[in-house]
Amino acid sequence: MIRKTAAEEVPRLKWFKSSYSDSSDGHDCVEVATASGSVRVRDSKDLSISELAFGESAWAGFVSYAADC
């Protein structure tokens, strides 16, 4: 399940960018952070947009699928 969350709902999270993101041209894609029971994903170019929250099992399924592509 995917749930949009408002930035003010989220406690201070430590965000990570993929090693595949290239910050030299300002076109980074996404950042990921873990929270209690969920994984948060946000657009690194526009932090005013709410991030998405994925359950741990949904995120694990996505990562497994993406690794196989």
PDB file of N, CA and C in Angstrom:
ATOM      1  N   MET A   1       0.832  -1.176   0.000  1.00  0.00           N
ATOM      2  CA  MET A   1       0.000   0.000   0.000  1.00  0.00           C
ATOM      3  C   MET A   1       0.878   1.240   0.000  1.00  0.00           C
ATOM      4  N   ILE A   2       0.505   2.228  -0.759  1.00  0.00           N
ATOM      5  CA  ILE A   2       1.228   3.493  -0.833  1.00  0.00           C
ATOM      6  C   ILE A   2       0.362   4.563  -0.180  1.00  0.00           C
ATOM      7  N   ARG A   3       0.981   5.364   0.690  1.00  0.00           N
ATOM      8  CA  ARG A   3       0.244   6.434   1.352  1.00  0.00           C
ATOM      9  C   ARG A   3       1.061   7.706   1.260  1.00  0.00           C
ATOM     10  N   LYS A   4       0.450   8.789   0.793  1.00  0.00           N
ATOM     11  CA  LYS A   4       1.132  10.078   0.767  1.00  0.00           C
ATOM     12  C   LYS A   4       1.141  10.645   2.178  1.00  0.00           C
ATOM     13  N   THR A   5       2.257  11.249   2.559  1.00  0.00           N
ATOM     14  CA  THR A   5       2.353  11.847   3.884  1.00  0.00           C
ATOM     15  C   THR A   5       2.797  13.287   3.758  1.00  0.00           C
ATOM     16  N   ALA A   6       2.265  14.122   4.596  1.00  0.00           N
ATOM     17  CA  ALA A   6       2.677  15.523   4.617  1.00  0.00           C
ATOM     18  C   ALA A   6       4.021  15.638   5.316  1.00  0.00           C
ATOM     19  N   ALA A   7       4.840  16.563   4.874  1.00  0.00           N
ATOM     20  CA  ALA A   7       6.181  16.724   5.433  1.00  0.00           C
ATOM     21  C   ALA A   7       6.137  16.983   6.929  1.00  0.00           C
ATOM     22  N   GLU A   8       5.126  17.708   7.417  1.00  0.00           N
ATOM     23  CA  GLU A   8       5.076  18.008   8.843  1.00  0.00           C
ATOM     24  C   GLU A   8       4.722  16.795   9.697  1.00  0.00           C
ATOM     25  N   GLU A   9       4.191  15.727   9.089  1.00  0.00           N
ATOM     26  CA  GLU A   9       3.882  14.497   9.816  1.00  0.00           C
ATOM     27  C   GLU A   9       5.133  13.686  10.124  1.00  0.00           C
ATOM     28  N   VAL A  10       6.159  13.871   9.347  1.00  0.00           N
ATOM     29  CA  VAL A  10       7.325  13.011   9.398  1.00  0.00           C
ATOM     30  C   VAL A  10       8.355  13.563  10.375  1.00  0.00           C
ATOM     31  N   PRO A  11       8.783  12.747  11.340  1.00  0.00           N
ATOM     32  CA  PRO A  11       9.857  13.199  12.218  1.00  0.00           C
ATOM     33  C   PRO A  11      11.152  13.352  11.424  1.00  0.00           C
ATOM     34  N   ARG A  12      12.152  13.929  12.008  1.00  0.00           N
ATOM     35  CA  ARG A  12      13.440  14.130  11.338  1.00  0.00           C
ATOM     36  C   ARG A  12      13.975  12.786  10.852  1.00  0.00           C
ATOM     37  N   LEU A  13      14.096  12.643   9.544  1.00  0.00           N
ATOM     38  CA  LEU A  13      14.580  11.400   8.945  1.00  0.00           C
ATOM     39  C   LEU A  13      15.932  11.642   8.306  1.00  0.00           C
ATOM     40  N   LYS A  14      16.723  10.589   8.203  1.00  0.00           N
ATOM     41  CA  LYS A  14      17.999  10.666   7.499  1.00  0.00           C
ATOM     42  C   LYS A  14      17.762  10.129   6.088  1.00  0.00           C
ATOM     43  N   TRP A  15      17.888  11.017   5.110  1.00  0.00           N
ATOM     44  CA  TRP A  15      17.599  10.679   3.717  1.00  0.00           C
ATOM     45  C   TRP A  15      18.871  10.255   2.994  1.00  0.00           C
ATOM     46  N   PHE A  16      18.729   9.273   2.098  1.00  0.00           N
ATOM     47  CA  PHE A  16      19.842   8.744   1.313  1.00  0.00           C
ATOM     48  C   PHE A  16      19.500   8.826  -0.165  1.00  0.00           C
ATOM     49  N   LYS A  17      20.502   9.142  -0.973  1.00  0.00           N
ATOM     50  CA  LYS A  17      20.341   9.127  -2.431  1.00  0.00           C
ATOM     51  C   LYS A  17      21.019   7.882  -2.976  1.00  0.00           C
ATOM     52  N   SER A  18      20.487   7.369  -4.037  1.00  0.00           N
ATOM     53  CA  SER A  18      21.084   6.226  -4.701  1.00  0.00           C
ATOM     54  C   SER A  18      22.451   6.597  -5.254  1.00  0.00           C
ATOM     55  N   SER A  19      23.346   5.635  -5.265  1.00  0.00           N
ATOM     56  CA  SER A  19      24.657   5.866  -5.882  1.00  0.00           C
ATOM     57  C   SER A  19      24.511   6.067  -7.389  1.00  0.00           C
ATOM     58  N   TYR A  20      23.351   5.720  -7.946  1.00  0.00           N
ATOM     59  CA  TYR A  20      23.090   5.927  -9.365  1.00  0.00           C
ATOM     60  C   TYR A  20      22.601   7.337  -9.662  1.00  0.00           C
ATOM     61  N   SER A  21      22.252   8.110  -8.625  1.00  0.00           N
ATOM     62  CA  SER A  21      21.832   9.501  -8.824  1.00  0.00           C
ATOM     63  C   SER A  21      23.052  10.345  -9.131  1.00  0.00           C
ATOM     64  N   ASP A  22      22.912  11.231 -10.082  1.00  0.00           N
ATOM     65  CA  ASP A  22      24.016  12.102 -10.482  1.00  0.00           C
ATOM     66  C   ASP A  22      23.685  13.527 -10.072  1.00  0.00           C
ATOM     67  N   SER A  23      24.323  14.018  -9.020  1.00  0.00           N
ATOM     68  CA  SER A  23      24.011  15.360  -8.526  1.00  0.00           C
ATOM     69  C   SER A  23      24.758  16.451  -9.282  1.00  0.00           C
ATOM     70  N   SER A  24      25.632  16.095 -10.195  1.00  0.00           N
ATOM     71  CA  SER A  24      26.425  17.103 -10.899  1.00  0.00           C
ATOM     72  C   SER A  24      25.574  17.973 -11.822  1.00  0.00           C
ATOM     73  N   ASP A  25      24.460  17.437 -12.325  1.00  0.00           N
ATOM     74  CA  ASP A  25      23.629  18.224 -13.235  1.00  0.00           C
ATOM     75  C   ASP A  25      22.325  18.705 -12.591  1.00  0.00           C
ATOM     76  N   GLY A  26      22.147  18.448 -11.302  1.00  0.00           N
ATOM     77  CA  GLY A  26      20.950  18.903 -10.602  1.00  0.00           C
ATOM     78  C   GLY A  26      19.696  18.117 -10.908  1.00  0.00           C
ATOM     79  N   HIS A  27      19.846  16.941 -11.493  1.00  0.00           N
ATOM     80  CA  HIS A  27      18.686  16.135 -11.859  1.00  0.00           C
ATOM     81  C   HIS A  27      18.599  14.850 -11.044  1.00  0.00           C
ATOM     82  N   ASP A  28      18.887  14.923  -9.753  1.00  0.00           N
ATOM     83  CA  ASP A  28      18.737  13.749  -8.895  1.00  0.00           C
ATOM     84  C   ASP A  28      17.300  13.256  -8.950  1.00  0.00           C
ATOM     85  N   CYS A  29      17.135  11.996  -8.717  1.00  0.00           N
ATOM     86  CA  CYS A  29      15.793  11.425  -8.818  1.00  0.00           C
ATOM     87  C   CYS A  29      15.089  11.355  -7.474  1.00  0.00           C
ATOM     88  N   VAL A  30      15.464  10.398  -6.659  1.00  0.00           N
ATOM     89  CA  VAL A  30      14.743  10.160  -5.413  1.00  0.00           C
ATOM     90  C   VAL A  30      15.696  10.028  -4.239  1.00  0.00           C
ATOM     91  N   GLU A  31      15.130  10.220  -3.058  1.00  0.00           N
ATOM     92  CA  GLU A  31      15.826   9.962  -1.806  1.00  0.00           C
ATOM     93  C   GLU A  31      14.952   9.003  -1.009  1.00  0.00           C
ATOM     94  N   VAL A  32      15.597   8.187  -0.176  1.00  0.00           N
ATOM     95  CA  VAL A  32      14.901   7.175   0.608  1.00  0.00           C
ATOM     96  C   VAL A  32      15.304   7.322   2.069  1.00  0.00           C
ATOM     97  N   ALA A  33      14.340   7.128   2.963  1.00  0.00           N
ATOM     98  CA  ALA A  33      14.603   7.139   4.404  1.00  0.00           C
ATOM     99  C   ALA A  33      13.774   6.031   5.046  1.00  0.00           C
ATOM    100  N   THR A  34      14.264   5.493   6.152  1.00  0.00           N
ATOM    101  CA  THR A  34      13.484   4.501   6.882  1.00  0.00           C
ATOM    102  C   THR A  34      12.864   5.156   8.105  1.00  0.00           C
ATOM    103  N   ALA A  35      11.663   4.731   8.411  1.00  0.00           N
ATOM    104  CA  ALA A  35      10.941   5.183   9.596  1.00  0.00           C
ATOM    105  C   ALA A  35      10.369   3.933  10.255  1.00  0.00           C
ATOM    106  N   SER A  36       9.808   4.083  11.399  1.00  0.00           N
ATOM    107  CA  SER A  36       9.254   2.947  12.126  1.00  0.00           C
ATOM    108  C   SER A  36       8.195   2.230  11.286  1.00  0.00           C
ATOM    109  N   GLY A  37       8.532   1.029  10.813  1.00  0.00           N
ATOM    110  CA  GLY A  37       7.585   0.223  10.053  1.00  0.00           C
ATOM    111  C   GLY A  37       7.347   0.627   8.617  1.00  0.00           C
ATOM    112  N   SER A  38       8.118   1.599   8.106  1.00  0.00           N
ATOM    113  CA  SER A  38       7.900   2.024   6.726  1.00  0.00           C
ATOM    114  C   SER A  38       9.181   2.544   6.098  1.00  0.00           C
ATOM    115  N   VAL A  39       9.122   2.670   4.782  1.00  0.00           N
ATOM    116  CA  VAL A  39      10.208   3.274   4.012  1.00  0.00           C
ATOM    117  C   VAL A  39       9.603   4.468   3.294  1.00  0.00           C
ATOM    118  N   ARG A  40      10.258   5.610   3.388  1.00  0.00           N
ATOM    119  CA  ARG A  40       9.768   6.847   2.771  1.00  0.00           C
ATOM    120  C   ARG A  40      10.584   7.143   1.529  1.00  0.00           C
ATOM    121  N   VAL A  41       9.922   7.626   0.487  1.00  0.00           N
ATOM    122  CA  VAL A  41      10.571   7.977  -0.773  1.00  0.00           C
ATOM    123  C   VAL A  41      10.095   9.374  -1.156  1.00  0.00           C
ATOM    124  N   ARG A  42      11.050  10.234  -1.566  1.00  0.00           N
ATOM    125  CA  ARG A  42      10.666  11.585  -1.978  1.00  0.00           C
ATOM    126  C   ARG A  42      11.458  12.024  -3.196  1.00  0.00           C
ATOM    127  N   ASP A  43      10.933  13.013  -3.888  1.00  0.00           N
ATOM    128  CA  ASP A  43      11.587  13.627  -5.039  1.00  0.00           C
ATOM    129  C   ASP A  43      12.634  14.596  -4.513  1.00  0.00           C
ATOM    130  N   SER A  44      13.883  14.374  -4.844  1.00  0.00           N
ATOM    131  CA  SER A  44      14.953  15.224  -4.310  1.00  0.00           C
ATOM    132  C   SER A  44      15.007  16.593  -4.976  1.00  0.00           C
ATOM    133  N   LYS A  45      14.321  16.756  -6.102  1.00  0.00           N
ATOM    134  CA  LYS A  45      14.322  18.052  -6.788  1.00  0.00           C
ATOM    135  C   LYS A  45      13.281  19.008  -6.221  1.00  0.00           C
ATOM    136  N   ASP A  46      12.211  18.478  -5.632  1.00  0.00           N
ATOM    137  CA  ASP A  46      11.131  19.323  -5.120  1.00  0.00           C
ATOM    138  C   ASP A  46      10.663  18.795  -3.770  1.00  0.00           C
ATOM    139  N   LEU A  47      11.271  19.285  -2.710  1.00  0.00           N
ATOM    140  CA  LEU A  47      10.964  18.797  -1.369  1.00  0.00           C
ATOM    141  C   LEU A  47       9.611  19.283  -0.857  1.00  0.00           C
ATOM    142  N   SER A  48       8.948  20.163  -1.600  1.00  0.00           N
ATOM    143  CA  SER A  48       7.625  20.616  -1.178  1.00  0.00           C
ATOM    144  C   SER A  48       6.552  19.565  -1.475  1.00  0.00           C
ATOM    145  N   ILE A  49       6.876  18.605  -2.327  1.00  0.00           N
ATOM    146  CA  ILE A  49       5.947  17.522  -2.652  1.00  0.00           C
ATOM    147  C   ILE A  49       6.018  16.484  -1.537  1.00  0.00           C
ATOM    148  N   SER A  50       4.872  16.002  -1.101  1.00  0.00           N
ATOM    149  CA  SER A  50       4.831  14.986  -0.045  1.00  0.00           C
ATOM    150  C   SER A  50       5.535  13.718  -0.493  1.00  0.00           C
ATOM    151  N   GLU A  51       6.201  13.066   0.455  1.00  0.00           N
ATOM    152  CA  GLU A  51       6.844  11.798   0.117  1.00  0.00           C
ATOM    153  C   GLU A  51       5.829  10.669   0.180  1.00  0.00           C
ATOM    154  N   LEU A  52       6.230   9.530  -0.374  1.00  0.00           N
ATOM    155  CA  LEU A  52       5.407   8.328  -0.339  1.00  0.00           C
ATOM    156  C   LEU A  52       5.904   7.438   0.784  1.00  0.00           C
ATOM    157  N   ALA A  53       4.993   6.743   1.441  1.00  0.00           N
ATOM    158  CA  ALA A  53       5.350   5.806   2.504  1.00  0.00           C
ATOM    159  C   ALA A  53       4.959   4.401   2.053  1.00  0.00           C
ATOM    160  N   PHE A  54       5.912   3.481   2.114  1.00  0.00           N
ATOM    161  CA  PHE A  54       5.686   2.085   1.750  1.00  0.00           C
ATOM    162  C   PHE A  54       5.858   1.226   2.991  1.00  0.00           C
ATOM    163  N   GLY A  55       5.026   0.213   3.140  1.00  0.00           N
ATOM    164  CA  GLY A  55       5.241  -0.772   4.190  1.00  0.00           C
ATOM    165  C   GLY A  55       6.532  -1.532   3.909  1.00  0.00           C
ATOM    166  N   GLU A  56       7.112  -2.100   4.961  1.00  0.00           N
ATOM    167  CA  GLU A  56       8.396  -2.797   4.792  1.00  0.00           C
ATOM    168  C   GLU A  56       8.314  -3.938   3.785  1.00  0.00           C
ATOM    169  N   SER A  57       7.237  -4.724   3.819  1.00  0.00           N
ATOM    170  CA  SER A  57       7.135  -5.853   2.881  1.00  0.00           C
ATOM    171  C   SER A  57       6.917  -5.370   1.448  1.00  0.00           C
ATOM    172  N   ALA A  58       6.166  -4.289   1.270  1.00  0.00           N
ATOM    173  CA  ALA A  58       5.970  -3.735  -0.075  1.00  0.00           C
ATOM    174  C   ALA A  58       7.291  -3.222  -0.630  1.00  0.00           C
ATOM    175  N   TRP A  59       8.078  -2.546   0.207  1.00  0.00           N
ATOM    176  CA  TRP A  59       9.376  -2.026  -0.233  1.00  0.00           C
ATOM    177  C   TRP A  59      10.316  -3.176  -0.587  1.00  0.00           C
ATOM    178  N   ALA A  60      10.349  -4.212   0.249  1.00  0.00           N
ATOM    179  CA  ALA A  60      11.213  -5.367  -0.020  1.00  0.00           C
ATOM    180  C   ALA A  60      10.824  -6.027  -1.341  1.00  0.00           C
ATOM    181  N   GLY A  61       9.531  -6.124  -1.611  1.00  0.00           N
ATOM    182  CA  GLY A  61       9.072  -6.684  -2.881  1.00  0.00           C
ATOM    183  C   GLY A  61       9.497  -5.840  -4.063  1.00  0.00           C
ATOM    184  N   PHE A  62       9.404  -4.521  -3.922  1.00  0.00           N
ATOM    185  CA  PHE A  62       9.830  -3.619  -4.993  1.00  0.00           C
ATOM    186  C   PHE A  62      11.321  -3.758  -5.256  1.00  0.00           C
ATOM    187  N   VAL A  63      12.129  -3.749  -4.200  1.00  0.00           N
ATOM    188  CA  VAL A  63      13.584  -3.851  -4.359  1.00  0.00           C
ATOM    189  C   VAL A  63      13.956  -5.174  -5.016  1.00  0.00           C
ATOM    190  N   SER A  64      13.312  -6.252  -4.597  1.00  0.00           N
ATOM    191  CA  SER A  64      13.575  -7.561  -5.202  1.00  0.00           C
ATOM    192  C   SER A  64      13.228  -7.550  -6.687  1.00  0.00           C
ATOM    193  N   TYR A  65      12.084  -6.980  -7.024  1.00  0.00           N
ATOM    194  CA  TYR A  65      11.667  -6.891  -8.422  1.00  0.00           C
ATOM    195  C   TYR A  65      12.640  -6.026  -9.226  1.00  0.00           C
ATOM    196  N   ALA A  66      13.002  -4.871  -8.694  1.00  0.00           N
ATOM    197  CA  ALA A  66      13.902  -3.955  -9.402  1.00  0.00           C
ATOM    198  C   ALA A  66      15.273  -4.588  -9.621  1.00  0.00           C
ATOM    199  N   ALA A  67      15.740  -5.373  -8.669  1.00  0.00           N
ATOM    200  CA  ALA A  67      17.046  -6.023  -8.798  1.00  0.00           C
ATOM    201  C   ALA A  67      17.044  -7.057  -9.920  1.00  0.00           C
ATOM    202  N   ASP A  68      15.880  -7.639 -10.188  1.00  0.00           N
ATOM    203  CA  ASP A  68      15.769  -8.651 -11.241  1.00  0.00           C
ATOM    204  C   ASP A  68      15.609  -8.052 -12.631  1.00  0.00           C
ATOM    205  N   CYS A  69      15.331  -6.763 -12.725  1.00  0.00           N
ATOM    206  CA  CYS A  69      15.104  -6.119 -14.029  1.00  0.00           C
ATOM    207  C   CYS A  69      16.392  -5.806 -14.742  1.00  0.00           C
TER     208      CYS A  69
END
